[in-house]
PDB file of N, CA and C in Angstrom:
ATOM      1  N   MET A   1     -13.442 199.458 -24.443  1.00  0.00           N
ATOM      2  CA  MET A   1     -13.626 197.493 -24.868  1.00  0.00           C
ATOM      3  C   MET A   1     -12.469 197.057 -24.427  1.00  0.00           C
ATOM      4  N   ARG A   2     -12.610 196.023 -23.212  1.00  0.00           N
ATOM      5  CA  ARG A   2     -11.473 195.819 -22.045  1.00  0.00           C
ATOM      6  C   ARG A   2     -10.659 194.674 -22.801  1.00  0.00           C
ATOM      7  N   ARG A   3     -10.044 193.855 -23.297  1.00  0.00           N
ATOM      8  CA  ARG A   3      -9.405 192.569 -23.644  1.00  0.00           C
ATOM      9  C   ARG A   3      -9.135 192.317 -22.109  1.00  0.00           C
ATOM     10  N   ILE A   4      -9.211 191.431 -22.474  1.00  0.00           N
ATOM     11  CA  ILE A   4      -8.593 190.389 -21.489  1.00  0.00           C
ATOM     12  C   ILE A   4      -8.803 188.482 -21.942  1.00  0.00           C
ATOM     13  N   THR A   5      -7.644 187.722 -20.961  1.00  0.00           N
ATOM     14  CA  THR A   5      -7.351 186.508 -22.007  1.00  0.00           C
ATOM     15  C   THR A   5      -8.555 185.336 -20.895  1.00  0.00           C
ATOM     16  N   ALA A   6      -8.375 184.145 -21.184  1.00  0.00           N
ATOM     17  CA  ALA A   6      -9.653 183.436 -21.064  1.00  0.00           C
ATOM     18  C   ALA A   6      -8.882 183.421 -19.395  1.00  0.00           C
ATOM     19  N   THR A   7      -7.795 182.660 -18.985  1.00  0.00           N
ATOM     20  CA  THR A   7      -6.795 182.673 -17.726  1.00  0.00           C
ATOM     21  C   THR A   7      -7.212 183.700 -16.837  1.00  0.00           C
ATOM     22  N   GLU A   8      -7.217 185.066 -17.333  1.00  0.00           N
ATOM     23  CA  GLU A   8      -7.648 186.159 -16.122  1.00  0.00           C
ATOM     24  C   GLU A   8      -8.655 185.987 -16.155  1.00  0.00           C
ATOM     25  N   MET A   9      -9.872 185.899 -17.157  1.00  0.00           N
ATOM     26  CA  MET A   9     -11.581 186.083 -16.776  1.00  0.00           C
ATOM     27  C   MET A   9     -11.296 184.229 -15.429  1.00  0.00           C
ATOM     28  N   ALA A  10     -10.578 183.699 -15.871  1.00  0.00           N
ATOM     29  CA  ALA A  10     -10.973 182.836 -15.077  1.00  0.00           C
ATOM     30  C   ALA A  10     -10.741 182.799 -13.719  1.00  0.00           C
ATOM     31  N   ARG A  11      -9.463 183.434 -13.618  1.00  0.00           N
ATOM     32  CA  ARG A  11      -9.146 183.954 -12.236  1.00  0.00           C
ATOM     33  C   ARG A  11      -9.677 185.096 -11.692  1.00  0.00           C
ATOM     34  N   ASN A  12     -10.048 185.884 -12.145  1.00  0.00           N
ATOM     35  CA  ASN A  12     -10.807 187.667 -11.456  1.00  0.00           C
ATOM     36  C   ASN A  12     -12.484 186.935 -11.824  1.00  0.00           C
ATOM     37  N   LEU A  13     -12.659 186.317 -12.198  1.00  0.00           N
ATOM     38  CA  LEU A  13     -14.551 186.707 -12.697  1.00  0.00           C
ATOM     39  C   LEU A  13     -15.353 187.003 -11.528  1.00  0.00           C
ATOM     40  N   ARG A  14     -15.285 186.850 -10.584  1.00  0.00           N
ATOM     41  CA  ARG A  14     -16.319 187.955  -9.598  1.00  0.00           C
ATOM     42  C   ARG A  14     -15.773 189.363  -9.996  1.00  0.00           C
ATOM     43  N   THR A  15     -14.454 189.533 -10.512  1.00  0.00           N
ATOM     44  CA  THR A  15     -14.093 191.511 -10.483  1.00  0.00           C
ATOM     45  C   THR A  15     -14.444 191.403 -11.280  1.00  0.00           C
ATOM     46  N   VAL A  16     -14.528 190.887 -12.689  1.00  0.00           N
ATOM     47  CA  VAL A  16     -15.124 191.502 -14.363  1.00  0.00           C
ATOM     48  C   VAL A  16     -16.390 191.121 -14.094  1.00  0.00           C
ATOM     49  N   LEU A  17     -17.147 190.290 -13.824  1.00  0.00           N
ATOM     50  CA  LEU A  17     -18.284 190.330 -14.040  1.00  0.00           C
ATOM     51  C   LEU A  17     -19.047 191.933 -13.252  1.00  0.00           C
ATOM     52  N   ASP A  18     -18.214 192.650 -12.069  1.00  0.00           N
ATOM     53  CA  ASP A  18     -18.799 193.518 -10.882  1.00  0.00           C
ATOM     54  C   ASP A  18     -18.137 194.307 -11.942  1.00  0.00           C
ATOM     55  N   ARG A  19     -17.224 194.736 -12.492  1.00  0.00           N
ATOM     56  CA  ARG A  19     -16.979 195.334 -13.652  1.00  0.00           C
ATOM     57  C   ARG A  19     -18.093 196.096 -15.015  1.00  0.00           C
ATOM     58  N   ILE A  20     -18.373 194.262 -15.351  1.00  0.00           N
ATOM     59  CA  ILE A  20     -19.804 194.351 -16.069  1.00  0.00           C
ATOM     60  C   ILE A  20     -20.899 195.126 -16.083  1.00  0.00           C
ATOM     61  N   GLU A  21     -21.477 194.734 -14.580  1.00  0.00           N
ATOM     62  CA  GLU A  21     -22.563 195.035 -14.352  1.00  0.00           C
ATOM     63  C   GLU A  21     -22.639 196.522 -13.589  1.00  0.00           C
ATOM     64  N   PHE A  22     -21.817 196.645 -13.080  1.00  0.00           N
ATOM     65  CA  PHE A  22     -21.902 198.210 -11.789  1.00  0.00           C
ATOM     66  C   PHE A  22     -21.298 199.321 -12.828  1.00  0.00           C
ATOM     67  N   GLN A  23     -20.598 199.222 -13.998  1.00  0.00           N
ATOM     68  CA  GLN A  23     -19.375 199.996 -14.579  1.00  0.00           C
ATOM     69  C   GLN A  23     -20.199 200.206 -15.860  1.00  0.00           C
ATOM     70  N   GLY A  24     -20.873 199.210 -16.389  1.00  0.00           N
ATOM     71  CA  GLY A  24     -21.350 198.984 -18.068  1.00  0.00           C
ATOM     72  C   GLY A  24     -19.752 198.695 -18.480  1.00  0.00           C
ATOM     73  N   GLU A  25     -18.799 198.066 -18.345  1.00  0.00           N
ATOM     74  CA  GLU A  25     -17.884 197.902 -19.391  1.00  0.00           C
ATOM     75  C   GLU A  25     -18.848 196.890 -20.308  1.00  0.00           C
ATOM     76  N   GLU A  26     -17.840 196.620 -21.193  1.00  0.00           N
ATOM     77  CA  GLU A  26     -17.448 195.974 -22.267  1.00  0.00           C
ATOM     78  C   GLU A  26     -16.649 194.818 -21.957  1.00  0.00           C
ATOM     79  N   VAL A  27     -16.560 193.718 -22.113  1.00  0.00           N
ATOM     80  CA  VAL A  27     -15.425 192.638 -22.112  1.00  0.00           C
ATOM     81  C   VAL A  27     -14.822 192.143 -23.169  1.00  0.00           C
ATOM     82  N   VAL A  28     -13.903 191.790 -23.634  1.00  0.00           N
ATOM     83  CA  VAL A  28     -13.691 190.500 -25.360  1.00  0.00           C
ATOM     84  C   VAL A  28     -12.643 189.707 -24.414  1.00  0.00           C
ATOM     85  N   VAL A  29     -12.911 188.378 -24.498  1.00  0.00           N
ATOM     86  CA  VAL A  29     -12.105 187.683 -24.116  1.00  0.00           C
ATOM     87  C   VAL A  29     -11.647 186.839 -24.792  1.00  0.00           C
ATOM     88  N   VAL A  30      -9.730 186.753 -24.753  1.00  0.00           N
ATOM     89  CA  VAL A  30      -9.331 186.142 -25.741  1.00  0.00           C
ATOM     90  C   VAL A  30      -8.148 184.714 -25.444  1.00  0.00           C
ATOM     91  N   ARG A  31      -8.608 183.979 -26.570  1.00  0.00           N
ATOM     92  CA  ARG A  31      -7.825 182.771 -26.207  1.00  0.00           C
ATOM     93  C   ARG A  31      -6.898 182.311 -27.470  1.00  0.00           C
ATOM     94  N   ASN A  32      -5.129 182.477 -27.063  1.00  0.00           N
ATOM     95  CA  ASN A  32      -4.392 181.657 -28.218  1.00  0.00           C
ATOM     96  C   ASN A  32      -4.536 183.037 -28.887  1.00  0.00           C
ATOM     97  N   HIS A  33      -4.833 184.499 -28.824  1.00  0.00           N
ATOM     98  CA  HIS A  33      -4.686 185.494 -29.628  1.00  0.00           C
ATOM     99  C   HIS A  33      -5.959 186.250 -30.768  1.00  0.00           C
ATOM    100  N   HIS A  34      -6.855 184.853 -29.775  1.00  0.00           N
ATOM    101  CA  HIS A  34      -8.701 185.102 -31.317  1.00  0.00           C
ATOM    102  C   HIS A  34      -9.286 185.186 -30.180  1.00  0.00           C
ATOM    103  N   GLN A  35     -10.731 186.357 -30.524  1.00  0.00           N
ATOM    104  CA  GLN A  35     -11.198 186.307 -29.689  1.00  0.00           C
ATOM    105  C   GLN A  35     -12.541 185.149 -29.611  1.00  0.00           C
ATOM    106  N   ILE A  36     -12.726 184.909 -28.341  1.00  0.00           N
ATOM    107  CA  ILE A  36     -13.381 183.907 -28.381  1.00  0.00           C
ATOM    108  C   ILE A  36     -14.854 184.478 -27.493  1.00  0.00           C
ATOM    109  N   ALA A  37     -14.771 185.668 -26.556  1.00  0.00           N
ATOM    110  CA  ALA A  37     -16.391 185.865 -26.487  1.00  0.00           C
ATOM    111  C   ALA A  37     -16.022 187.298 -26.400  1.00  0.00           C
ATOM    112  N   ARG A  38     -17.268 187.775 -26.389  1.00  0.00           N
ATOM    113  CA  ARG A  38     -17.659 189.059 -25.416  1.00  0.00           C
ATOM    114  C   ARG A  38     -18.571 188.944 -25.036  1.00  0.00           C
ATOM    115  N   ILE A  39     -18.730 189.971 -23.870  1.00  0.00           N
ATOM    116  CA  ILE A  39     -19.737 190.191 -22.810  1.00  0.00           C
ATOM    117  C   ILE A  39     -19.656 191.639 -22.832  1.00  0.00           C
ATOM    118  N   VAL A  40     -21.093 191.484 -22.687  1.00  0.00           N
ATOM    119  CA  VAL A  40     -21.376 193.177 -22.667  1.00  0.00           C
ATOM    120  C   VAL A  40     -22.859 193.593 -21.425  1.00  0.00           C
ATOM    121  N   PRO A  41     -22.936 194.005 -20.626  1.00  0.00           N
ATOM    122  CA  PRO A  41     -23.961 194.051 -19.485  1.00  0.00           C
ATOM    123  C   PRO A  41     -25.285 194.151 -20.462  1.00  0.00           C
ATOM    124  N   GLY A  42     -25.970 193.560 -19.014  1.00  0.00           N
ATOM    125  CA  GLY A  42     -27.424 193.392 -19.236  1.00  0.00           C
ATOM    126  C   GLY A  42     -28.238 194.979 -19.447  1.00  0.00           C
ATOM    127  N   PRO A  43     -29.606 194.712 -19.698  1.00  0.00           N
ATOM    128  CA  PRO A  43     -30.790 195.670 -19.644  1.00  0.00           C
ATOM    129  C   PRO A  43     -30.687 196.473 -18.331  1.00  0.00           C
ATOM    130  N   GLY A  44     -30.829 197.510 -17.959  1.00  0.00           N
ATOM    131  CA  GLY A  44     -30.290 198.256 -16.649  1.00  0.00           C
ATOM    132  C   GLY A  44     -31.722 197.635 -16.002  1.00  0.00           C
ATOM    133  N   HIS A  45     -31.317 197.881 -14.273  1.00  0.00           N
ATOM    134  CA  HIS A  45     -32.559 197.809 -13.387  1.00  0.00           C
ATOM    135  C   HIS A  45     -32.886 198.793 -12.469  1.00  0.00           C
ATOM    136  N   GLN A  46     -34.646 198.136 -12.707  1.00  0.00           N
ATOM    137  CA  GLN A  46     -35.228 199.769 -12.178  1.00  0.00           C
ATOM    138  C   GLN A  46     -36.265 199.276 -11.155  1.00  0.00           C
ATOM    139  N   THR A  47     -36.023 200.459  -9.841  1.00  0.00           N
ATOM    140  CA  THR A  47     -37.096 199.657  -9.266  1.00  0.00           C
ATOM    141  C   THR A  47     -38.152 200.583  -9.145  1.00  0.00           C
ATOM    142  N   ALA A  48     -39.743 200.421  -9.378  1.00  0.00           N
ATOM    143  CA  ALA A  48     -40.814 201.026  -9.514  1.00  0.00           C
ATOM    144  C   ALA A  48     -40.626 202.678  -9.508  1.00  0.00           C
ATOM    145  N   LEU A  49     -40.336 203.017  -7.933  1.00  0.00           N
ATOM    146  CA  LEU A  49     -40.199 204.324  -7.719  1.00  0.00           C
ATOM    147  C   LEU A  49     -39.044 205.098  -8.962  1.00  0.00           C
ATOM    148  N   GLU A  50     -37.846 204.678  -9.295  1.00  0.00           N
ATOM    149  CA  GLU A  50     -37.198 204.913 -10.209  1.00  0.00           C
ATOM    150  C   GLU A  50     -37.794 205.025 -11.530  1.00  0.00           C
ATOM    151  N   ALA A  51     -38.546 204.042 -12.358  1.00  0.00           N
ATOM    152  CA  ALA A  51     -39.399 204.078 -13.193  1.00  0.00           C
ATOM    153  C   ALA A  51     -40.137 205.264 -13.417  1.00  0.00           C
ATOM    154  N   MET A  52     -40.770 205.678 -11.746  1.00  0.00           N
ATOM    155  CA  MET A  52     -41.947 206.491 -12.052  1.00  0.00           C
ATOM    156  C   MET A  52     -40.999 207.812 -11.631  1.00  0.00           C
ATOM    157  N   ALA A  53     -40.169 207.759 -11.471  1.00  0.00           N
ATOM    158  CA  ALA A  53     -39.633 209.260 -11.130  1.00  0.00           C
ATOM    159  C   ALA A  53     -39.739 210.548 -12.319  1.00  0.00           C
ATOM    160  N   ASP A  54     -39.677 210.532 -13.389  1.00  0.00           N
ATOM    161  CA  ASP A  54     -39.455 211.468 -14.222  1.00  0.00           C
ATOM    162  C   ASP A  54     -41.156 211.500 -14.993  1.00  0.00           C
ATOM    163  N   LEU A  55     -41.818 210.343 -14.470  1.00  0.00           N
ATOM    164  CA  LEU A  55     -43.343 210.636 -14.646  1.00  0.00           C
ATOM    165  C   LEU A  55     -44.047 211.862 -14.557  1.00  0.00           C
ATOM    166  N   TYR A  56     -43.743 212.608 -13.550  1.00  0.00           N
ATOM    167  CA  TYR A  56     -44.437 213.937 -13.417  1.00  0.00           C
ATOM    168  C   TYR A  56     -44.110 215.005 -14.040  1.00  0.00           C
ATOM    169  N   ARG A  57     -42.888 214.930 -14.961  1.00  0.00           N
ATOM    170  CA  ARG A  57     -42.712 215.887 -16.034  1.00  0.00           C
ATOM    171  C   ARG A  57     -43.658 216.048 -17.230  1.00  0.00           C
ATOM    172  N   THR A  58     -43.971 214.489 -17.489  1.00  0.00           N
ATOM    173  CA  THR A  58     -44.183 213.740 -19.270  1.00  0.00           C
ATOM    174  C   THR A  58     -46.049 214.352 -18.685  1.00  0.00           C
ATOM    175  N   LEU A  59     -46.791 213.898 -17.734  1.00  0.00           N
ATOM    176  CA  LEU A  59     -47.879 213.887 -17.383  1.00  0.00           C
ATOM    177  C   LEU A  59     -48.628 215.383 -17.943  1.00  0.00           C
ATOM    178  N   PRO A  60     -50.271 215.658 -18.594  1.00  0.00           N
ATOM    179  CA  PRO A  60     -50.427 217.090 -17.998  1.00  0.00           C
ATOM    180  C   PRO A  60     -51.014 217.020 -16.309  1.00  0.00           C
ATOM    181  N   GLY A  61     -51.291 218.150 -16.015  1.00  0.00           N
ATOM    182  CA  GLY A  61     -51.828 218.305 -14.531  1.00  0.00           C
ATOM    183  C   GLY A  61     -52.764 217.740 -13.847  1.00  0.00           C
ATOM    184  N   SER A  62     -53.997 217.603 -15.257  1.00  0.00           N
ATOM    185  CA  SER A  62     -55.612 216.906 -14.687  1.00  0.00           C
ATOM    186  C   SER A  62     -55.063 215.424 -14.550  1.00  0.00           C
ATOM    187  N   ALA A  63     -54.122 214.715 -15.127  1.00  0.00           N
ATOM    188  CA  ALA A  63     -53.287 213.218 -14.598  1.00  0.00           C
ATOM    189  C   ALA A  63     -53.494 213.154 -13.010  1.00  0.00           C
ATOM    190  N   ALA A  64     -52.465 214.263 -12.942  1.00  0.00           N
ATOM    191  CA  ALA A  64     -51.901 214.332 -11.589  1.00  0.00           C
ATOM    192  C   ALA A  64     -53.697 213.971 -10.430  1.00  0.00           C
ATOM    193  N   GLU A  65     -54.188 215.061 -11.000  1.00  0.00           N
ATOM    194  CA  GLU A  65     -55.551 215.281 -10.156  1.00  0.00           C
ATOM    195  C   GLU A  65     -56.434 214.396 -10.083  1.00  0.00           C
ATOM    196  N   SER A  66     -56.190 213.399 -11.210  1.00  0.00           N
ATOM    197  CA  SER A  66     -57.549 211.863 -11.025  1.00  0.00           C
ATOM    198  C   SER A  66     -56.282 211.328 -10.336  1.00  0.00           C
ATOM    199  N   TRP A  67     -55.596 211.510 -10.313  1.00  0.00           N
ATOM    200  CA  TRP A  67     -54.826 210.067  -9.825  1.00  0.00           C
ATOM    201  C   TRP A  67     -54.870 210.713  -8.328  1.00  0.00           C
ATOM    202  N   LEU A  68     -55.347 211.583  -7.872  1.00  0.00           N
ATOM    203  CA  LEU A  68     -55.195 211.874  -6.036  1.00  0.00           C
ATOM    204  C   LEU A  68     -56.602 211.841  -6.118  1.00  0.00           C
ATOM    205  N   ALA A  69     -57.662 212.040  -6.606  1.00  0.00           N
ATOM    206  CA  ALA A  69     -59.014 211.842  -6.822  1.00  0.00           C
ATOM    207  C   ALA A  69     -59.143 209.899  -6.196  1.00  0.00           C
ATOM    208  N   ASP A  70     -58.478 209.163  -6.982  1.00  0.00           N
ATOM    209  CA  ASP A  70     -58.662 208.101  -7.406  1.00  0.00           C
ATOM    210  C   ASP A  70     -58.348 207.475  -5.698  1.00  0.00           C
ATOM    211  N   ARG A  71     -57.013 208.186  -5.237  1.00  0.00           N
ATOM    212  CA  ARG A  71     -56.177 207.442  -4.518  1.00  0.00           C
ATOM    213  C   ARG A  71     -56.962 207.844  -2.888  1.00  0.00           C
ATOM    214  N   ARG A  72     -57.307 208.919  -3.019  1.00  0.00           N
ATOM    215  CA  ARG A  72     -58.553 209.497  -1.942  1.00  0.00           C
ATOM    216  C   ARG A  72     -59.748 208.856  -1.887  1.00  0.00           C
ATOM    217  N   GLY A  73     -60.498 208.432  -3.051  1.00  0.00           N
ATOM    218  CA  GLY A  73     -61.642 207.030  -2.977  1.00  0.00           C
ATOM    219  C   GLY A  73     -62.547 207.804  -3.687  1.00  0.00           C
ATOM    220  N   GLY A  74     -62.593 209.026  -4.765  1.00  0.00           N
ATOM    221  CA  GLY A  74     -63.628 209.872  -5.094  1.00  0.00           C
ATOM    222  C   GLY A  74     -64.093 208.532  -6.107  1.00  0.00           C
ATOM    223  N   GLU A  75     -64.765 208.881  -6.856  1.00  0.00           N
ATOM    224  CA  GLU A  75     -65.261 208.455  -8.212  1.00  0.00           C
ATOM    225  C   GLU A  75     -64.662 209.252  -8.861  1.00  0.00           C
ATOM    226  N   ASP A  76     -64.682 208.172 -10.193  1.00  0.00           N
ATOM    227  CA  ASP A  76     -63.780 208.645 -11.038  1.00  0.00           C
ATOM    228  C   ASP A  76     -64.825 209.800 -12.164  1.00  0.00           C
ATOM    229  N   ARG A  77     -64.059 211.160 -12.447  1.00  0.00           N
ATOM    230  CA  ARG A  77     -64.915 211.893 -13.177  1.00  0.00           C
ATOM    231  C   ARG A  77     -65.559 211.183 -14.392  1.00  0.00           C
ATOM    232  N   LYS A  78     -64.985 210.644 -15.126  1.00  0.00           N
ATOM    233  CA  LYS A  78     -64.900 210.166 -16.592  1.00  0.00           C
ATOM    234  C   LYS A  78     -65.877 209.098 -16.464  1.00  0.00           C
ATOM    235  N   THR A  79     -65.745 208.095 -15.834  1.00  0.00           N
ATOM    236  CA  THR A  79     -66.338 206.744 -15.679  1.00  0.00           C
ATOM    237  C   THR A  79     -67.486 206.628 -14.478  1.00  0.00           C
ATOM    238  N   GLY A  80     -67.312 207.583 -13.888  1.00  0.00           N
ATOM    239  CA  GLY A  80     -68.575 206.822 -12.082  1.00  0.00           C
ATOM    240  C   GLY A  80     -67.886 206.077 -11.541  1.00  0.00           C
ATOM    241  N   ALA A  81     -67.127 205.250 -11.785  1.00  0.00           N
ATOM    242  CA  ALA A  81     -67.128 204.137 -10.626  1.00  0.00           C
ATOM    243  C   ALA A  81     -66.527 204.684  -9.711  1.00  0.00           C
ATOM    244  N   GLY A  82     -66.162 204.020  -8.509  1.00  0.00           N
ATOM    245  CA  GLY A  82     -66.362 204.465  -7.219  1.00  0.00           C
ATOM    246  C   GLY A  82     -64.877 203.604  -6.646  1.00  0.00           C
ATOM    247  N   THR A  83     -65.252 203.157  -5.552  1.00  0.00           N
ATOM    248  CA  THR A  83     -63.624 202.967  -5.323  1.00  0.00           C
ATOM    249  C   THR A  83     -63.641 201.383  -5.548  1.00  0.00           C
ATOM    250  N   LEU A  84     -62.596 200.805  -5.306  1.00  0.00           N
ATOM    251  CA  LEU A  84     -62.142 199.353  -5.313  1.00  0.00           C
ATOM    252  C   LEU A  84     -62.498 198.651  -3.887  1.00  0.00           C
ATOM    253  N   SER A  85     -63.010 199.208  -3.059  1.00  0.00           N
ATOM    254  CA  SER A  85     -63.455 197.955  -2.556  1.00  0.00           C
ATOM    255  C   SER A  85     -65.312 197.739  -3.206  1.00  0.00           C
ATOM    256  N   GLU A  86     -65.903 198.790  -3.891  1.00  0.00           N
ATOM    257  CA  GLU A  86     -66.801 198.625  -4.813  1.00  0.00           C
ATOM    258  C   GLU A  86     -66.839 197.339  -5.527  1.00  0.00           C
ATOM    259  N   LEU A  87     -65.260 196.938  -6.256  1.00  0.00           N
ATOM    260  CA  LEU A  87     -65.350 195.862  -7.360  1.00  0.00           C
ATOM    261  C   LEU A  87     -65.581 195.026  -6.894  1.00  0.00           C
ATOM    262  N   ARG A  88     -66.344 193.977  -7.751  1.00  0.00           N
ATOM    263  CA  ARG A  88     -66.623 192.832  -8.143  1.00  0.00           C
ATOM    264  C   ARG A  88     -65.511 192.033  -8.238  1.00  0.00           C
ATOM    265  N   ASP A  89     -65.299 190.606  -7.056  1.00  0.00           N
ATOM    266  CA  ASP A  89     -63.816 189.953  -7.711  1.00  0.00           C
ATOM    267  C   ASP A  89     -64.436 189.284  -8.548  1.00  0.00           C
ATOM    268  N   PRO A  90     -63.574 188.669  -9.687  1.00  0.00           N
ATOM    269  CA  PRO A  90     -63.802 188.351 -10.887  1.00  0.00           C
ATOM    270  C   PRO A  90     -63.910 186.400 -10.997  1.00  0.00           C
ATOM    271  N   TRP A  91     -63.186 186.107  -9.511  1.00  0.00           N
ATOM    272  CA  TRP A  91     -63.090 184.922  -9.219  1.00  0.00           C
ATOM    273  C   TRP A  91     -64.138 184.556  -8.529  1.00  0.00           C
ATOM    274  N   GLU A  92     -64.749 184.989  -7.813  1.00  0.00           N
ATOM    275  CA  GLU A  92     -66.002 185.001  -6.606  1.00  0.00           C
ATOM    276  C   GLU A  92     -66.784 183.814  -7.273  1.00  0.00           C
ATOM    277  N   SER A  93     -67.528 183.365  -6.790  1.00  0.00           N
ATOM    278  CA  SER A  93     -68.186 182.070  -7.942  1.00  0.00           C
ATOM    279  C   SER A  93     -69.548 182.487  -7.571  1.00  0.00           C
TER     280      SER A  93
END
């Protein structure tokens, strides 16, 4: 955890925020030798691709086969549902 003065924080705000965001650094802001704030990084940001990257290791092989069948437009083996084009639009009057 890095300690900085309020003056240093004001003069180098962008740099401090970059270190918090990209390096995950925690910062304690001090004024008159007293801690006035503690800044911690927010929750991580992931794209959908990054979030799904490890999914293939946790799912059984049957799930992958089912997804492939769905993508190719085949019927779902369990429900008998067809392709997305056969679904009814719920907002249609």
